N, C-alpha and C. Protein backbone atom coordinates (compact mmCIF):
# COMPACT_ATOMS: atom_id res chain seq x y z
N MET A 1 -3.74 20.75 -28.53
CA MET A 1 -3.08 19.47 -28.71
C MET A 1 -3.29 19.03 -30.16
N SER A 2 -2.25 18.41 -30.73
CA SER A 2 -2.32 18.01 -32.12
C SER A 2 -1.39 16.81 -32.34
N ASP A 3 -1.59 16.12 -33.45
CA ASP A 3 -0.70 15.01 -33.81
C ASP A 3 0.55 15.49 -34.53
N ALA A 4 0.59 16.77 -34.91
CA ALA A 4 1.74 17.34 -35.60
C ALA A 4 1.95 18.78 -35.13
N SER A 5 3.17 19.23 -35.19
CA SER A 5 3.49 20.61 -34.83
C SER A 5 2.76 21.56 -35.78
N GLU A 6 2.17 22.60 -35.21
CA GLU A 6 1.44 23.55 -36.03
C GLU A 6 2.15 24.89 -36.12
N GLY A 7 3.41 24.92 -35.74
CA GLY A 7 4.16 26.16 -35.87
C GLY A 7 5.25 26.28 -34.83
N PRO A 8 5.94 27.43 -34.85
CA PRO A 8 7.03 27.63 -33.90
C PRO A 8 6.52 27.63 -32.46
N GLY A 9 7.28 27.05 -31.59
CA GLY A 9 6.94 27.04 -30.18
C GLY A 9 6.16 25.81 -29.74
N TRP A 10 5.58 25.08 -30.67
CA TRP A 10 4.86 23.86 -30.31
C TRP A 10 5.87 22.85 -29.80
N TRP A 11 5.50 22.05 -28.81
CA TRP A 11 6.43 21.08 -28.22
C TRP A 11 5.79 19.72 -28.12
N LEU A 12 6.62 18.70 -28.23
CA LEU A 12 6.19 17.31 -28.21
C LEU A 12 6.25 16.79 -26.78
N ALA A 13 5.13 16.36 -26.25
CA ALA A 13 5.05 15.84 -24.89
C ALA A 13 5.33 14.35 -24.88
N SER A 14 5.49 13.80 -23.68
CA SER A 14 5.80 12.38 -23.54
C SER A 14 4.65 11.49 -24.01
N ASP A 15 3.45 12.04 -24.15
CA ASP A 15 2.32 11.25 -24.65
C ASP A 15 2.29 11.17 -26.18
N GLY A 16 3.30 11.78 -26.82
CA GLY A 16 3.40 11.72 -28.28
C GLY A 16 2.56 12.78 -28.99
N LYS A 17 1.92 13.67 -28.24
CA LYS A 17 1.10 14.72 -28.82
C LYS A 17 1.86 16.04 -28.81
N TRP A 18 1.55 16.93 -29.77
CA TRP A 18 2.15 18.26 -29.85
C TRP A 18 1.24 19.24 -29.14
N TYR A 19 1.84 20.13 -28.34
CA TYR A 19 1.08 21.13 -27.58
C TYR A 19 1.55 22.52 -27.96
N PRO A 20 0.62 23.51 -27.93
CA PRO A 20 1.00 24.89 -28.27
C PRO A 20 1.92 25.48 -27.20
N PRO A 21 2.58 26.57 -27.53
CA PRO A 21 3.55 27.16 -26.60
C PRO A 21 2.96 27.49 -25.23
N ASP A 22 1.70 27.88 -25.16
CA ASP A 22 1.13 28.25 -23.88
C ASP A 22 0.47 27.09 -23.14
N ALA A 23 0.55 25.87 -23.64
CA ALA A 23 -0.08 24.72 -22.98
C ALA A 23 0.55 24.44 -21.63
N GLY A 24 1.80 24.77 -21.46
CA GLY A 24 2.47 24.52 -20.18
C GLY A 24 2.04 25.48 -19.09
N SER A 25 1.37 26.56 -19.47
CA SER A 25 0.96 27.56 -18.49
C SER A 25 -0.33 27.18 -17.79
N GLY A 26 -1.00 26.12 -18.26
CA GLY A 26 -2.24 25.69 -17.65
C GLY A 26 -3.48 26.36 -18.24
N ARG A 27 -3.30 27.25 -19.24
CA ARG A 27 -4.45 27.93 -19.82
C ARG A 27 -5.18 27.06 -20.83
N ASP A 28 -4.45 26.40 -21.73
CA ASP A 28 -5.09 25.66 -22.81
C ASP A 28 -4.83 24.16 -22.78
N GLY A 29 -3.92 23.70 -21.99
CA GLY A 29 -3.54 22.30 -22.06
C GLY A 29 -3.60 21.61 -20.73
N PRO A 30 -3.34 20.33 -20.75
CA PRO A 30 -3.37 19.55 -19.52
C PRO A 30 -2.16 19.87 -18.65
N ALA A 31 -2.29 19.59 -17.39
CA ALA A 31 -1.16 19.78 -16.47
C ALA A 31 -0.26 18.56 -16.61
N LEU A 32 0.82 18.72 -17.32
CA LEU A 32 1.75 17.62 -17.56
C LEU A 32 3.03 17.86 -16.79
N ALA A 33 3.65 16.78 -16.35
CA ALA A 33 4.96 16.91 -15.71
C ALA A 33 5.93 17.43 -16.74
N GLY A 34 6.60 18.52 -16.43
CA GLY A 34 7.57 19.09 -17.34
C GLY A 34 6.93 19.87 -18.46
N ALA A 35 5.65 20.21 -18.32
CA ALA A 35 4.97 20.93 -19.38
C ALA A 35 5.65 22.26 -19.62
N GLY A 36 5.72 22.64 -20.88
CA GLY A 36 6.34 23.89 -21.24
C GLY A 36 7.77 23.73 -21.70
N ALA A 37 8.37 22.61 -21.38
CA ALA A 37 9.75 22.37 -21.78
C ALA A 37 9.74 21.52 -23.04
N PRO A 38 10.37 21.99 -24.11
CA PRO A 38 10.43 21.19 -25.32
C PRO A 38 11.28 19.95 -25.13
N VAL A 39 11.04 18.96 -25.98
CA VAL A 39 11.82 17.73 -25.93
C VAL A 39 13.28 18.07 -26.10
N GLY A 40 14.12 17.55 -25.23
CA GLY A 40 15.55 17.77 -25.33
C GLY A 40 16.01 19.04 -24.65
N ALA A 41 15.12 19.75 -23.99
CA ALA A 41 15.52 21.01 -23.35
C ALA A 41 16.53 20.78 -22.24
N ALA A 42 16.42 19.64 -21.56
CA ALA A 42 17.33 19.36 -20.45
C ALA A 42 18.78 19.22 -20.93
N ASP A 43 18.97 18.66 -22.12
CA ASP A 43 20.33 18.47 -22.61
C ASP A 43 20.74 19.58 -23.58
N GLY A 44 19.88 20.56 -23.78
CA GLY A 44 20.22 21.68 -24.65
C GLY A 44 20.07 21.38 -26.12
N GLY A 45 19.57 20.19 -26.46
CA GLY A 45 19.44 19.82 -27.85
C GLY A 45 18.03 20.02 -28.36
N GLY A 46 17.83 19.65 -29.60
CA GLY A 46 16.52 19.79 -30.19
C GLY A 46 15.70 18.53 -30.10
N GLY A 47 16.17 17.53 -29.41
CA GLY A 47 15.47 16.26 -29.27
C GLY A 47 16.28 15.33 -28.41
N THR A 48 15.81 14.09 -28.29
CA THR A 48 16.56 13.14 -27.49
C THR A 48 17.82 12.75 -28.25
N SER A 49 18.90 12.59 -27.54
CA SER A 49 20.15 12.26 -28.22
C SER A 49 20.31 10.76 -28.35
N ILE A 50 21.05 10.37 -29.35
CA ILE A 50 21.33 8.95 -29.56
C ILE A 50 22.12 8.41 -28.38
N GLU A 51 23.04 9.23 -27.87
CA GLU A 51 23.85 8.79 -26.73
C GLU A 51 22.97 8.46 -25.51
N ALA A 52 21.96 9.28 -25.26
CA ALA A 52 21.06 9.02 -24.13
C ALA A 52 20.29 7.73 -24.35
N THR A 53 19.87 7.48 -25.58
CA THR A 53 19.15 6.26 -25.90
C THR A 53 20.04 5.04 -25.72
N VAL A 54 21.27 5.12 -26.21
CA VAL A 54 22.22 4.01 -26.06
C VAL A 54 22.49 3.75 -24.59
N ASN A 55 22.68 4.81 -23.81
CA ASN A 55 22.93 4.64 -22.38
C ASN A 55 21.75 3.97 -21.69
N ASP A 56 20.52 4.32 -22.08
CA ASP A 56 19.34 3.68 -21.49
C ASP A 56 19.31 2.19 -21.82
N VAL A 57 19.62 1.84 -23.07
CA VAL A 57 19.63 0.43 -23.47
C VAL A 57 20.70 -0.33 -22.68
N ILE A 58 21.88 0.25 -22.54
CA ILE A 58 22.96 -0.41 -21.80
C ILE A 58 22.56 -0.62 -20.35
N LYS A 59 21.93 0.37 -19.74
CA LYS A 59 21.50 0.23 -18.35
C LYS A 59 20.48 -0.90 -18.20
N LYS A 60 19.59 -1.04 -19.17
CA LYS A 60 18.57 -2.08 -19.10
C LYS A 60 19.14 -3.46 -19.38
N LEU A 61 20.13 -3.55 -20.23
CA LEU A 61 20.71 -4.84 -20.59
C LEU A 61 21.85 -5.25 -19.66
N HIS A 62 22.37 -4.34 -18.90
CA HIS A 62 23.53 -4.60 -18.05
C HIS A 62 23.36 -5.83 -17.15
N PRO A 63 22.28 -5.98 -16.38
CA PRO A 63 22.14 -7.16 -15.52
C PRO A 63 22.12 -8.46 -16.33
N PHE A 64 21.48 -8.43 -17.49
CA PHE A 64 21.43 -9.63 -18.31
C PHE A 64 22.81 -9.99 -18.85
N GLY A 65 23.59 -8.98 -19.16
CA GLY A 65 24.95 -9.22 -19.63
C GLY A 65 25.79 -9.90 -18.56
N LEU A 66 25.61 -9.49 -17.32
CA LEU A 66 26.34 -10.13 -16.21
C LEU A 66 25.92 -11.59 -16.04
N VAL A 67 24.64 -11.86 -16.17
CA VAL A 67 24.15 -13.24 -16.05
C VAL A 67 24.72 -14.10 -17.17
N ILE A 68 24.70 -13.58 -18.38
CA ILE A 68 25.24 -14.34 -19.52
C ILE A 68 26.73 -14.60 -19.33
N LEU A 69 27.46 -13.60 -18.86
CA LEU A 69 28.88 -13.77 -18.62
C LEU A 69 29.13 -14.83 -17.55
N ALA A 70 28.36 -14.81 -16.48
CA ALA A 70 28.52 -15.80 -15.40
C ALA A 70 28.23 -17.21 -15.91
N VAL A 71 27.18 -17.37 -16.70
CA VAL A 71 26.85 -18.69 -17.25
C VAL A 71 27.95 -19.15 -18.20
N TRP A 72 28.45 -18.24 -19.03
CA TRP A 72 29.52 -18.60 -19.97
C TRP A 72 30.76 -19.07 -19.21
N ILE A 73 31.14 -18.35 -18.16
CA ILE A 73 32.31 -18.74 -17.36
C ILE A 73 32.08 -20.10 -16.72
N ALA A 74 30.90 -20.33 -16.18
CA ALA A 74 30.60 -21.62 -15.55
C ALA A 74 30.69 -22.76 -16.57
N VAL A 75 30.18 -22.56 -17.77
CA VAL A 75 30.25 -23.58 -18.81
C VAL A 75 31.70 -23.85 -19.19
N MET A 76 32.50 -22.80 -19.34
CA MET A 76 33.91 -22.97 -19.70
C MET A 76 34.66 -23.74 -18.61
N VAL A 77 34.39 -23.44 -17.36
CA VAL A 77 35.04 -24.15 -16.25
C VAL A 77 34.63 -25.62 -16.27
N LEU A 78 33.35 -25.89 -16.46
CA LEU A 78 32.89 -27.28 -16.53
C LEU A 78 33.52 -28.02 -17.70
N LEU A 79 33.58 -27.40 -18.86
CA LEU A 79 34.21 -28.03 -20.02
C LEU A 79 35.68 -28.30 -19.77
N LEU A 80 36.36 -27.37 -19.13
CA LEU A 80 37.77 -27.56 -18.80
C LEU A 80 37.95 -28.72 -17.82
N MET A 81 37.09 -28.82 -16.83
CA MET A 81 37.17 -29.91 -15.85
C MET A 81 36.90 -31.26 -16.51
N VAL A 82 35.91 -31.32 -17.39
CA VAL A 82 35.60 -32.56 -18.10
C VAL A 82 36.75 -32.93 -19.01
N GLY A 83 37.34 -31.96 -19.67
CA GLY A 83 38.46 -32.22 -20.58
C GLY A 83 39.68 -32.70 -19.84
N LEU A 84 39.95 -32.20 -18.66
CA LEU A 84 41.11 -32.62 -17.88
C LEU A 84 40.94 -34.00 -17.26
N SER A 85 39.69 -34.37 -16.98
CA SER A 85 39.45 -35.67 -16.34
C SER A 85 39.47 -36.81 -17.33
N SER A 86 39.41 -36.56 -18.63
CA SER A 86 39.41 -37.65 -19.59
C SER A 86 40.77 -38.00 -20.07
């Protein structure tokens, strides 16, 4: 385990540490979920993609966006009702 890659085959784990190529085999490293797979292996890339990051942010903000939209619509309806009654 290291704070920086020490050569080919080293992979970055979710804990932010670099592990040697054989760390996923259980000989030299901790038993990590997904050990042995380099970052981005699932998507075939060399790291996490910007698209995946943007999609994660959108998923997390989505409920808040709906709440803001509902409040905005309610305020507009109230303003319209007040404007029509005067």
